Protein backbone atom coordinates (compact mmCIF):
# COMPACT_ATOMS: atom_id res chain seq x y z
CA MET A 1 14.15 -11.60 -10.76
CA ARG A 2 12.00 -9.37 -13.19
CA ILE A 3 13.85 -6.43 -14.93
CA ALA A 4 13.00 -3.74 -17.10
CA TYR A 5 15.55 -2.19 -19.45
CA LEU A 6 15.28 1.00 -21.07
CA ASP A 7 16.83 1.61 -24.47
CA CYS A 8 17.12 5.17 -25.00
CA ALA A 9 18.73 5.53 -28.64
CA SER A 10 16.90 8.65 -29.20
CA GLY A 11 16.74 9.87 -25.67
CA VAL A 12 13.95 9.82 -23.33
CA SER A 13 10.61 12.19 -22.52
CA GLY A 14 7.97 11.64 -19.73
CA ASP A 15 5.40 11.25 -22.89
CA MET A 16 7.71 8.55 -24.67
CA MET A 17 8.41 6.71 -21.13
CA LEU A 18 4.82 6.70 -20.10
CA GLY A 19 3.55 5.41 -23.93
CA ALA A 20 6.00 2.79 -23.43
CA LEU A 21 4.96 1.91 -20.43
CA VAL A 22 1.46 1.33 -21.64
CA ASP A 23 2.41 -0.19 -24.97
CA ALA A 24 4.24 -2.59 -22.62
CA GLY A 25 0.80 -3.70 -21.05
CA VAL A 26 0.45 -1.24 -17.89
CA ASP A 27 -3.46 -0.83 -17.56
CA LEU A 28 -4.31 3.07 -18.73
CA ALA A 29 -7.28 3.41 -17.15
CA LYS A 30 -5.77 2.60 -13.96
CA VAL A 31 -3.10 5.20 -14.44
CA GLN A 32 -5.74 8.09 -15.70
CA ALA A 33 -7.66 6.97 -12.33
CA GLY A 34 -4.70 7.94 -10.01
CA ILE A 35 -4.39 11.68 -12.36
CA ASP A 36 -7.62 12.27 -12.05
CA SER A 37 -7.20 11.71 -7.91
CA LEU A 38 -4.74 14.75 -8.22
CA GLY A 39 -7.64 17.48 -9.25
CA LEU A 40 -6.24 18.97 -12.17
CA PRO A 41 -8.13 20.65 -14.32
CA SER A 42 -9.66 17.94 -17.03
CA CYS A 43 -6.23 16.27 -17.62
CA ARG A 44 -6.99 13.03 -20.02
CA LEU A 45 -4.51 11.02 -21.12
CA ALA A 46 -4.83 10.33 -24.74
CA ILE A 47 -3.19 7.48 -26.87
CA GLU A 48 -2.77 6.64 -30.19
CA GLU A 49 -0.57 4.29 -32.67
CA THR A 50 1.69 6.11 -34.88
CA LYS A 51 4.66 5.09 -36.75
CA LYS A 52 7.89 6.73 -36.55
CA CYS A 53 10.12 5.77 -40.10
CA GLY A 54 8.05 2.81 -40.19
CA PHE A 55 8.28 1.58 -36.91
CA ARG A 56 5.15 1.26 -35.01
CA ALA A 57 4.66 2.66 -31.36
CA LEU A 58 2.11 4.47 -29.14
CA GLN A 59 1.81 8.33 -28.95
CA LEU A 60 0.95 9.36 -25.63
CA THR A 61 -0.42 13.28 -25.37
CA VAL A 62 -1.76 14.97 -22.41
CA GLU A 63 -4.98 16.73 -23.25
CA HIS A 64 -5.88 19.60 -20.69
CA GLU A 65 -7.66 23.11 -20.07
CA PRO A 66 -5.09 26.04 -20.50
CA GLU A 67 -3.53 27.43 -17.49
CA HIS A 68 -1.43 30.06 -16.23
CA VAL A 69 0.17 28.58 -12.79
CA HIS A 70 3.81 28.27 -11.58
CA ARG A 71 3.82 25.87 -9.15
CA HIS A 72 6.39 25.06 -6.03
CA LEU A 73 7.49 21.70 -5.07
CA HIS A 74 5.09 22.20 -1.78
CA HIS A 75 2.04 22.64 -4.19
CA ILE A 76 2.62 19.42 -6.21
CA VAL A 77 3.49 17.14 -3.21
CA ASP A 78 0.40 18.48 -1.53
CA MET A 79 -1.36 17.34 -5.02
CA ILE A 80 0.32 13.65 -4.36
CA GLU A 81 -0.05 13.49 -0.74
CA GLY A 82 -4.17 14.06 -1.48
CA SER A 83 -3.90 11.96 -4.19
CA LEU A 84 -5.62 8.14 -4.36
CA LEU A 85 -2.01 6.81 -5.20
CA THR A 86 -0.91 3.88 -3.51
CA PRO A 87 2.29 4.72 -0.95
CA ALA A 88 4.82 3.14 -3.37
CA GLN A 89 3.32 5.22 -6.01
CA ARG A 90 3.61 8.59 -4.16
CA ASP A 91 7.02 7.66 -2.87
CA LEU A 92 8.35 7.64 -6.36
CA ALA A 93 6.56 10.40 -7.75
CA ARG A 94 7.60 12.43 -4.90
CA ARG A 95 11.31 11.49 -5.15
CA ILE A 96 11.09 12.48 -8.70
CA PHE A 97 9.84 16.09 -8.14
CA GLN A 98 12.55 16.09 -5.48
CA LYS A 99 15.25 15.55 -8.01
CA VAL A 100 13.87 18.22 -10.27
CA ALA A 101 13.56 20.57 -7.62
CA GLU A 102 16.90 20.19 -6.27
CA ALA A 103 18.43 20.51 -10.13
CA GLU A 104 16.26 23.48 -10.52
CA ALA A 105 17.84 25.06 -7.17
CA LYS A 106 21.54 24.30 -8.19
CA VAL A 107 21.26 25.86 -11.74
CA HIS A 108 19.34 29.07 -10.45
CA GLY A 109 21.09 29.69 -7.18
CA THR A 110 18.14 29.64 -5.19
CA THR A 111 16.87 27.03 -2.23
CA ILE A 112 14.57 24.24 -3.17
CA GLU A 113 11.45 25.99 -1.12
CA LYS A 114 11.64 28.96 -3.80
CA VAL A 115 12.10 27.03 -6.50
CA HIS A 116 9.14 28.13 -9.45
CA PHE A 117 8.45 25.02 -11.70
CA HIS A 118 7.87 26.02 -15.23
CA GLU A 119 7.67 23.50 -17.84
CA VAL A 120 7.84 20.57 -15.14
CA GLY A 121 5.30 22.26 -13.11
CA ALA A 122 3.07 22.45 -15.83
CA VAL A 123 -0.15 19.91 -16.15
CA ASP A 124 0.90 17.85 -18.84
CA SER A 125 4.28 17.39 -17.36
CA ILE A 126 2.74 16.60 -13.75
CA ALA A 127 0.77 13.86 -15.90
CA ASP A 128 3.97 12.49 -17.38
CA ILE A 129 6.04 12.35 -13.97
CA VAL A 130 2.99 10.98 -11.98
CA GLY A 131 1.41 8.86 -14.63
CA SER A 132 4.87 7.18 -15.19
CA ALA A 133 5.17 6.77 -11.48
CA ILE A 134 1.82 4.93 -11.16
CA ALA A 135 2.74 2.79 -14.59
CA TRP A 136 6.26 1.75 -13.12
CA ASP A 137 4.72 0.85 -9.58
CA MET A 138 2.06 -1.29 -11.74
CA LEU A 139 4.31 -2.95 -13.99
CA GLY A 140 6.11 -4.51 -11.00
CA VAL A 141 10.00 -4.94 -12.16
CA ASP A 142 12.66 -5.48 -9.36
CA ARG A 143 15.16 -3.81 -11.17
CA VAL A 144 15.68 -1.08 -13.77
CA VAL A 145 18.85 -0.89 -16.39
CA CYS A 146 19.13 1.62 -19.09
CA SER A 147 21.14 2.39 -21.92
CA ALA A 148 23.33 5.51 -22.34
CA VAL A 149 21.42 8.44 -22.73
CA PRO A 150 21.98 11.09 -25.76
CA THR A 151 20.67 14.70 -25.16
CA GLY A 152 20.82 15.84 -28.64
CA THR A 153 22.44 19.29 -30.07
CA GLY A 154 21.34 22.77 -30.57
CA PHE A 155 19.29 25.19 -28.63
CA VAL A 156 15.89 25.00 -26.72
CA ASN A 157 13.42 27.84 -25.98
CA ILE A 158 12.25 27.80 -22.49
CA ALA A 159 10.94 29.78 -19.63
CA HIS A 160 14.09 31.37 -19.02
CA GLY A 161 15.07 31.61 -22.44
CA ARG A 162 17.23 29.77 -25.25
CA CYS A 163 19.53 27.46 -23.90
CA ALA A 164 22.04 25.26 -25.29
CA ILE A 165 20.77 21.42 -25.49
CA PRO A 166 21.20 19.92 -22.95
CA ALA A 167 19.13 23.08 -20.95
CA PRO A 168 20.98 23.32 -17.65
CA ALA A 169 17.72 21.63 -15.35
CA THR A 170 18.43 18.81 -17.57
CA GLY A 171 22.03 18.65 -17.21
CA GLU A 172 22.31 19.09 -13.81
CA LEU A 173 19.68 15.86 -13.82
CA LEU A 174 22.01 13.72 -15.77
CA LYS A 175 24.96 14.21 -13.38
CA GLY A 176 25.71 10.62 -12.88
CA VAL A 177 23.87 9.08 -16.06
CA PRO A 178 26.68 8.21 -18.93
CA LEU A 179 25.41 10.12 -22.03
CA ALA A 180 25.48 8.81 -25.45
CA ALA A 181 27.02 11.28 -28.49
CA SER A 182 24.41 12.27 -30.67
CA GLU A 183 24.55 15.02 -33.80
CA VAL A 184 21.04 15.26 -34.09
CA GLN A 185 19.40 18.83 -33.98
CA GLY A 186 17.05 19.04 -31.22
CA GLU A 187 16.01 18.02 -27.33
CA LEU A 188 16.30 14.53 -27.74
CA THR A 189 16.20 14.01 -23.73
CA THR A 190 13.91 16.50 -21.49
CA PRO A 191 14.13 17.91 -18.00
CA THR A 192 10.85 15.60 -17.02
CA GLY A 193 12.68 12.59 -19.03
CA ALA A 194 15.93 12.77 -17.17
CA ALA A 195 13.90 13.47 -13.90
CA ILE A 196 12.18 10.02 -14.03
CA VAL A 197 15.47 8.45 -15.47
CA SER A 198 17.90 9.23 -13.00
CA THR A 199 15.47 8.76 -9.91
CA LEU A 200 14.32 5.19 -11.15
CA VAL A 201 17.49 2.96 -12.82
CA ASP A 202 19.40 0.77 -10.76
CA GLU A 203 21.95 0.47 -13.35
CA PHE A 204 23.29 1.52 -16.59
CA GLY A 205 24.98 -0.27 -19.33
CA PRO A 206 24.09 -2.80 -22.24
CA LEU A 207 20.88 -5.07 -22.73
CA PRO A 208 21.16 -7.33 -19.99
CA ALA A 209 20.61 -11.49 -20.23
CA MET A 210 16.87 -11.83 -19.84
CA ASP A 211 13.67 -14.12 -21.45
CA ILE A 212 12.02 -11.14 -23.09
CA GLU A 213 8.31 -10.99 -22.09
CA THR A 214 7.18 -7.83 -23.97
CA ILE A 215 8.66 -4.67 -25.70
CA GLY A 216 6.94 -1.71 -25.51
CA TYR A 217 7.50 1.57 -27.93
CA GLY A 218 6.88 5.03 -26.47
CA ALA A 219 6.95 7.71 -29.62
CA GLY A 220 8.40 11.17 -29.12
CA GLN A 221 6.51 13.97 -30.51
CA CYS A 222 9.17 15.12 -32.89
CA ASP A 223 10.11 13.30 -36.35
CA PHE A 224 13.97 12.94 -37.08
CA GLU A 225 15.65 10.75 -39.70
CA HIS A 226 15.93 8.20 -37.51
CA PRO A 227 12.77 6.55 -35.55
CA ASN A 228 12.38 8.66 -32.28
CA LEU A 229 11.38 6.02 -30.22
CA LEU A 230 11.88 4.65 -26.43
CA ARG A 231 12.28 0.84 -26.35
CA LEU A 232 11.07 -0.77 -23.02
CA PHE A 233 11.93 -4.35 -22.61
CA VAL A 234 10.57 -6.35 -19.60
CA GLY A 235 11.45 -10.14 -18.60
CA LYS A 236 13.09 -12.10 -16.31
CA SER A 237 16.59 -12.34 -15.89
CA ALA A 238 18.21 -14.98 -17.45
CA ASP A 239 21.33 -15.12 -14.61
CA THR A 240 19.56 -16.21 -11.50
CA ALA A 241 23.36 -15.75 -9.98
CA THR A 242 24.25 -12.69 -8.05
CA GLN A 243 23.48 -9.39 -9.28
CA THR A 244 26.03 -6.45 -9.27
CA ASP A 245 25.34 -2.99 -8.20
CA LYS A 246 27.97 0.15 -7.01
CA ILE A 247 28.13 1.21 -3.16
CA VAL A 248 30.24 3.95 -1.75
CA LEU A 249 32.57 2.64 1.09
CA LEU A 250 33.59 5.25 3.81
CA GLU A 251 36.61 4.36 6.33
CA THR A 252 38.14 6.35 9.19
CA ASN A 253 40.74 5.22 11.97
CA LEU A 254 39.88 6.51 15.36
CA ASP A 255 41.98 6.49 17.97
CA ASP A 256 40.76 9.33 20.46
CA VAL A 257 36.82 8.82 20.63
CA SER A 258 35.47 6.76 23.56
CA GLY A 259 33.02 3.86 22.88
CA GLU A 260 30.19 5.61 23.55
CA MET A 261 30.85 8.12 20.89
CA VAL A 262 31.52 5.30 18.23
CA GLY A 263 28.28 3.68 19.40
CA HIS A 264 26.24 6.43 18.87
CA CYS A 265 27.82 7.49 15.89
CA ILE A 266 26.82 3.76 14.83
CA GLU A 267 23.08 4.50 15.68
CA LYS A 268 22.99 8.15 13.69
CA LEU A 269 24.50 5.88 10.43
CA TRP A 270 21.72 3.33 10.55
CA GLU A 271 19.29 5.92 10.90
CA ALA A 272 20.54 7.75 7.88
CA GLY A 273 20.32 5.07 5.77
CA ALA A 274 23.50 3.24 5.77
CA LEU A 275 23.88 0.04 4.14
CA ASP A 276 26.30 -1.71 6.31
CA VAL A 277 28.00 -0.17 9.38
CA ALA A 278 31.21 -2.14 11.13
CA ALA A 279 33.96 -1.30 13.62
CA SER A 280 36.70 -3.24 14.17
CA SER A 281 39.63 -3.18 16.61
CA LEU A 282 43.17 -1.53 15.32
CA GLN A 283 46.46 -0.93 17.01
CA MET A 284 47.59 2.50 15.58
CA LYS A 285 50.84 4.48 15.91
CA LYS A 286 52.60 4.36 19.44
CA GLY A 287 50.94 1.47 20.23
CA ARG A 288 47.68 3.36 21.12
CA PRO A 289 44.17 1.29 20.55
CA GLY A 290 42.09 2.48 17.69
CA THR A 291 38.64 1.63 15.78
CA LEU A 292 38.44 1.09 12.03
CA LEU A 293 34.86 2.76 11.38
CA SER A 294 33.62 1.21 7.92
CA VAL A 295 30.30 2.44 6.12
CA GLN A 296 28.83 1.29 3.36
CA CYS A 297 25.91 3.22 1.75
CA GLN A 298 24.27 4.42 -1.80
CA PRO A 299 26.49 6.50 -3.78
CA ASP A 300 23.25 9.24 -3.69
CA ASP A 301 24.04 8.91 0.54
CA ALA A 302 27.85 9.02 0.48
CA GLU A 303 27.47 13.17 1.63
CA LYS A 304 24.71 12.78 4.42
CA ILE A 305 26.61 9.61 5.48
CA ALA A 306 30.15 11.48 5.71
CA GLY A 307 28.56 14.47 7.37
CA ILE A 308 27.42 12.38 10.09
CA VAL A 309 30.54 10.75 10.80
CA PHE A 310 32.73 14.13 10.50
CA ARG A 311 29.93 15.68 13.61
CA GLU A 312 29.78 12.69 15.54
CA THR A 313 33.33 11.83 15.85
CA THR A 314 36.88 13.37 15.89
CA THR A 315 37.94 12.26 12.68
CA LEU A 316 39.86 14.91 10.12
CA GLY A 317 39.09 13.00 7.04
CA LEU A 318 37.72 9.92 5.57
CA ARG A 319 39.00 7.11 2.60
CA ARG A 320 36.07 7.01 -0.09
CA SER A 321 35.86 4.25 -2.91
CA THR A 322 33.15 3.08 -5.17
CA VAL A 323 32.95 -0.64 -4.97
CA GLU A 324 31.20 -3.18 -6.69
CA ARG A 325 28.67 -5.00 -5.01
CA LEU A 326 27.67 -8.82 -5.41
CA THR A 327 24.15 -9.82 -4.37
CA LEU A 328 21.81 -12.31 -4.44
CA PRO A 329 18.40 -12.25 -5.72
CA ARG A 330 16.01 -11.79 -2.78
CA ARG A 331 12.41 -11.16 -1.59
CA SER A 332 10.35 -10.82 1.40
CA GLU A 333 8.55 -13.37 2.82
CA SER A 334 6.56 -14.15 5.68
CA VAL A 335 6.23 -17.85 7.36
CA SER A 336 3.51 -19.44 9.79
CA THR A 337 4.81 -21.05 13.06
CA ASP A 338 2.72 -22.47 16.18
CA TRP A 339 3.26 -18.96 17.73
CA GLY A 340 2.77 -16.69 15.10
CA GLU A 341 4.02 -15.25 11.50
CA ILE A 342 7.10 -14.40 11.24
CA ASP A 343 9.18 -12.04 8.95
CA GLY A 344 12.21 -12.83 6.95
CA ILE A 345 14.22 -12.55 3.58
CA VAL A 346 14.24 -15.38 0.72
CA ALA A 347 17.76 -15.14 -1.02
CA GLN A 348 17.75 -17.03 -4.35
CA LEU A 349 21.16 -18.80 -4.52
CA PRO A 350 23.00 -19.38 -7.98
CA ASP A 351 22.39 -22.89 -8.00
CA GLY A 352 18.55 -21.78 -8.06
CA THR A 353 18.03 -23.33 -4.45
CA GLU A 354 16.57 -20.92 -1.75
CA ARG A 355 17.72 -19.94 1.44
CA PHE A 356 15.39 -18.12 4.13
CA SER A 357 16.66 -15.81 6.68
CA PRO A 358 14.48 -15.12 9.75
CA GLU A 359 14.60 -11.75 10.46
CA TYR A 360 15.78 -11.05 14.31
CA ALA A 361 13.35 -8.15 14.97
CA SER A 362 10.26 -10.84 14.09
CA CYS A 363 11.80 -13.39 15.87
CA GLN A 364 12.96 -11.49 19.08
CA GLN A 365 9.02 -10.43 19.17
CA ILE A 366 7.66 -13.64 19.18
CA ALA A 367 10.34 -15.05 21.90
CA ASP A 368 9.35 -12.51 24.44
CA LYS A 369 5.48 -12.74 23.83
CA HIS A 370 5.48 -16.71 24.52
CA GLN A 371 8.89 -16.77 26.57
CA ILE A 372 10.57 -19.34 24.60
CA PRO A 373 14.23 -19.13 23.48
CA LEU A 374 15.14 -17.05 20.55
CA ALA A 375 17.05 -20.19 19.19
CA ASP A 376 13.71 -22.14 18.99
CA VAL A 377 12.17 -19.65 17.15
CA TYR A 378 14.55 -19.38 14.90
CA VAL A 379 14.36 -22.88 14.34
CA ALA A 380 10.91 -22.86 13.86
CA ALA A 381 10.75 -20.43 11.29
CA ARG A 382 13.66 -22.30 9.03
CA GLN A 383 11.39 -25.69 9.14
CA ALA A 384 8.38 -23.35 8.65
CA PHE A 385 9.87 -22.17 5.17
CA ALA A 386 11.26 -25.62 4.32
CA GLY A 387 7.91 -27.26 4.63
CA ARG A 388 5.72 -24.57 2.68
CA PRO A 389 3.72 -26.03 -0.38
CA GLY A 390 5.77 -25.56 -3.68
């Protein structure tokens, strides 16, 4: 598994992030081509080597014509949708800006549609965010881990006046992100940096076991008594066993809901992005038969998933817990059979061997098309994987 680690000892900003990505090997010309397709006024990414407290790094600066434009989320989304970015790059850029809009709406007591992007809607911030989305996609890592993030102390001047650090939107964006103590006077983490980290990172913690391939250094604009650098490690996981992440488990006992209602609720939960849904039989009080509904989901989806259960069943409450999940490294792969291509998932076991699981929908399609038993399709798919070259 290819992984990246963000060492945010001096916080994180959009230009530090993009500088570190370029220093780690991302092609700046390709990032610039994606930025050019946004239609921003003469926006150029300039890069130069610098030193911070004796340590070299790349300093990225966004050069552009002066402008006095306050953009809404839909303006920026329209730019992204009309660009030449790949679907994955567009998706990541949209998600980062959506995070910013949600944070701004929360702190200003308004709606996402009415939020005016000030600093984050400026050309340089748009270039930093979209450029980082492009660069992360080009970097091609499977997992991103990040250190605790310091914010700095003191005050910063923003469009709404003088605010304590972290600025309100930055603080909102850093919910759920471990913060590191810092007595440095100055803004170490900007809204742009916080938005990228909170959207992109899979796990927070120390440097994981990995075989390092490259290290990128992105310099911040300010000078402090410490090296104002963002350090990016890129390499392969040194542990090919299980990976860990945290998910939310929601459960409820139902004894006055029909089977049709439970089935309908389960369909809605899958559509909403649940990781797993299960229903099992229970014997409840007074001997009544019941159903245990268990739903696994990502932490960010927990409120949405809970809302569906409350809406589609008669439950009055849900048990919620955060659990650690062990997962095997995996990838999607297709195999060729005499009947056609079959999609599946390849999982890597702790001993390094691989196991192929054909996708049901792909096998069903082949079985229906050729009027053959589904079991025969599964066998053919596994044999094709076992006999592949290499």
